[in-house]
Every structure is written in structure tokens, then in C-alpha cells.
Protein backbone atom coordinates (compact mmCIF):
# COMPACT_ATOMS: atom_id res chain seq x y z
CA MET A 1 -15.01 -2.76 -4.97
CA ALA A 2 -11.71 -0.18 -5.58
CA SER A 3 -11.02 2.75 -3.68
CA ASP A 4 -12.39 6.18 -4.03
CA PRO A 5 -10.12 8.87 -5.72
CA LYS A 6 -11.52 11.29 -3.78
CA PHE A 7 -10.27 8.98 -0.97
CA VAL A 8 -6.74 8.88 -1.97
CA GLU A 9 -6.74 12.55 -2.56
CA LYS A 10 -8.07 13.04 1.66
CA THR A 11 -5.08 11.03 2.43
CA LEU A 12 -2.72 12.72 0.13
CA GLU A 13 -3.58 15.66 1.91
CA ARG A 14 -3.11 14.64 5.34
CA LEU A 15 0.72 13.69 4.36
CA LEU A 16 1.21 16.95 3.49
CA PRO A 17 4.42 18.78 3.44
CA LEU A 18 5.69 14.96 2.38
CA ASP A 19 6.25 14.43 -1.06
CA VAL A 20 4.47 11.01 -1.19
CA ASP A 21 2.54 9.74 -4.48
CA ALA A 22 -0.28 7.66 -4.85
CA ARG A 23 -0.28 4.92 -8.17
CA LYS A 24 -3.46 3.18 -8.98
CA MET A 25 -2.18 -0.05 -8.70
CA PHE A 26 -4.45 -3.26 -9.66
CA GLY A 27 -7.65 -0.87 -9.24
CA GLU A 28 -6.59 0.20 -6.05
CA TYR A 29 -3.76 2.44 -4.52
CA GLY A 30 0.37 2.03 -4.10
CA LEU A 31 1.49 4.58 -1.64
CA PHE A 32 5.52 5.90 -2.15
CA TYR A 33 7.46 8.30 -0.76
CA LYS A 34 11.04 8.60 -1.08
CA GLY A 35 10.73 6.41 -4.28
CA LYS A 36 10.07 3.47 -1.82
CA MET A 37 6.09 1.86 -1.34
CA PHE A 38 5.47 2.11 2.40
CA GLY A 39 1.71 1.98 2.17
CA LEU A 40 -2.12 0.92 0.62
CA ILE A 41 -5.06 1.89 -0.10
CA CYS A 42 -7.45 -0.70 -0.66
CA ASP A 43 -11.06 -0.55 -0.85
CA ASN A 44 -11.17 2.91 1.07
CA THR A 45 -9.23 2.04 4.00
CA PHE A 46 -5.28 3.25 4.40
CA PHE A 47 -2.46 0.27 5.19
CA ILE A 48 1.19 1.35 6.47
CA ARG A 49 3.23 -1.41 5.74
CA SER A 50 4.26 -3.29 9.45
CA THR A 51 8.07 -2.25 10.41
CA GLU A 52 9.96 -2.67 13.38
CA ALA A 53 10.97 1.55 13.83
CA GLY A 54 7.22 1.99 12.53
CA ALA A 55 5.65 -0.03 15.39
CA GLU A 56 7.30 2.17 17.94
CA ILE A 57 5.36 5.42 16.14
CA ALA A 58 2.33 3.30 16.31
CA GLY A 59 1.88 1.74 19.40
CA ARG A 60 -1.39 -0.29 19.78
CA ILE A 61 -2.90 0.07 16.17
CA GLY A 62 -5.12 -2.26 15.06
CA THR A 63 -3.63 -4.51 11.58
CA GLY A 64 -5.40 -5.93 8.94
CA PHE A 65 -5.21 -7.84 5.25
CA PRO A 66 -4.91 -5.09 2.44
CA TYR A 67 -5.62 -7.91 0.03
CA PRO A 68 -6.12 -11.78 0.57
CA GLY A 69 -2.42 -13.31 0.78
CA ALA A 70 -0.84 -10.01 1.74
CA LYS A 71 1.24 -9.79 4.81
CA PRO A 72 -0.62 -7.69 8.01
CA ALA A 73 0.30 -3.99 7.94
CA PHE A 74 -0.91 -1.25 10.03
CA LYS A 75 -4.54 -0.10 9.42
CA ILE A 76 -4.84 3.77 10.16
CA SER A 77 -8.19 4.88 11.10
CA ASN A 78 -9.95 7.78 10.24
CA ILE A 79 -9.14 9.14 13.80
CA LYS A 80 -5.16 8.17 13.77
CA ALA A 81 -4.91 9.83 10.16
CA ASN A 82 -6.19 12.93 12.12
CA ASP A 83 -2.89 13.08 13.87
CA ALA A 84 -0.99 14.85 11.42
CA LYS A 85 2.09 14.73 13.50
CA TRP A 86 1.54 11.37 14.36
CA LEU A 87 1.13 10.01 10.83
CA LYS A 88 4.16 11.34 9.44
CA ARG A 89 6.43 10.48 11.87
CA LEU A 90 4.73 6.92 10.85
CA VAL A 91 5.20 7.05 7.22
CA GLU A 92 8.98 8.64 7.77
CA VAL A 93 10.08 5.74 9.80
CA THR A 94 8.94 3.16 8.37
CA SER A 95 10.06 4.72 4.67
CA ASP A 96 13.46 4.99 6.13
CA GLU A 97 13.36 0.95 7.33
CA ILE A 98 12.19 -0.11 3.94
CA PRO A 99 14.99 -1.15 1.64
CA ALA A 100 15.38 0.71 -1.75
CA PRO A 101 14.20 -0.67 -4.71
CA LYS A 102 16.40 -2.72 -6.68
CA ARG A 103 17.03 -1.46 -10.23
CA LYS A 104 16.24 -3.68 -12.75
CA LYS A 105 18.91 -4.49 -15.52
CA LYS A 106 18.79 -2.69 -18.76
CA SER A 107 18.25 -5.90 -21.17
CA HIS A 108 20.63 -5.51 -24.86
């Protein structure tokens, strides 16, 4: 089941003033901050990639699999998503820990 664009929009609003971009991918959405994919929205569920720094901020939070074969990620409940300060900090520290995407080589 594809995620509702209204759910995606509400998630992005919760992350303001961070400049987060949602890109449609395979019927769902990848979430990007500072050019790094830190999260996914799948089946109207918000997931943030698990990192060591993120785990320190996340505390006791559930994990789940955004799609079959995916690595486990933090599953952000509506209650936690409403804690704007916590959520933005989790996104920032997670994105800081994720390596920059590799540049694609130009073919001649």
C-alpha cells in the first residue's frame, strides 16, 4: 500500500525548519537532509535509519522494517513525531553520521 501524500506532507511540516526533502521512490518516499537519505515513509509509517548517534538520542524506541529485506530502522510513532525538538535532533545526528553519497563518475 502506497503512503498518503498528506501523511508525507504532515511529516515534513513536523521537521520544519529543517530543509528535508521527500522523494517518491517505488511508490513510497525517501527522506533526505543535507543530501543524505536518513529515513523512509512506507505504508504511512515514518522510519529513521538506525545509527549509533541516533540510538543515543532515540532512547527506548521501537524498530521495524520499512520493506521486506530492509535493515531495521527506528519506527517513529505519532506520539514521538509530535516531540519536535527530539525529532529534529534525531534527524540531525543521524544525518551527520551517515556518509555523504558517492559521486557518480561521468561516462565519456
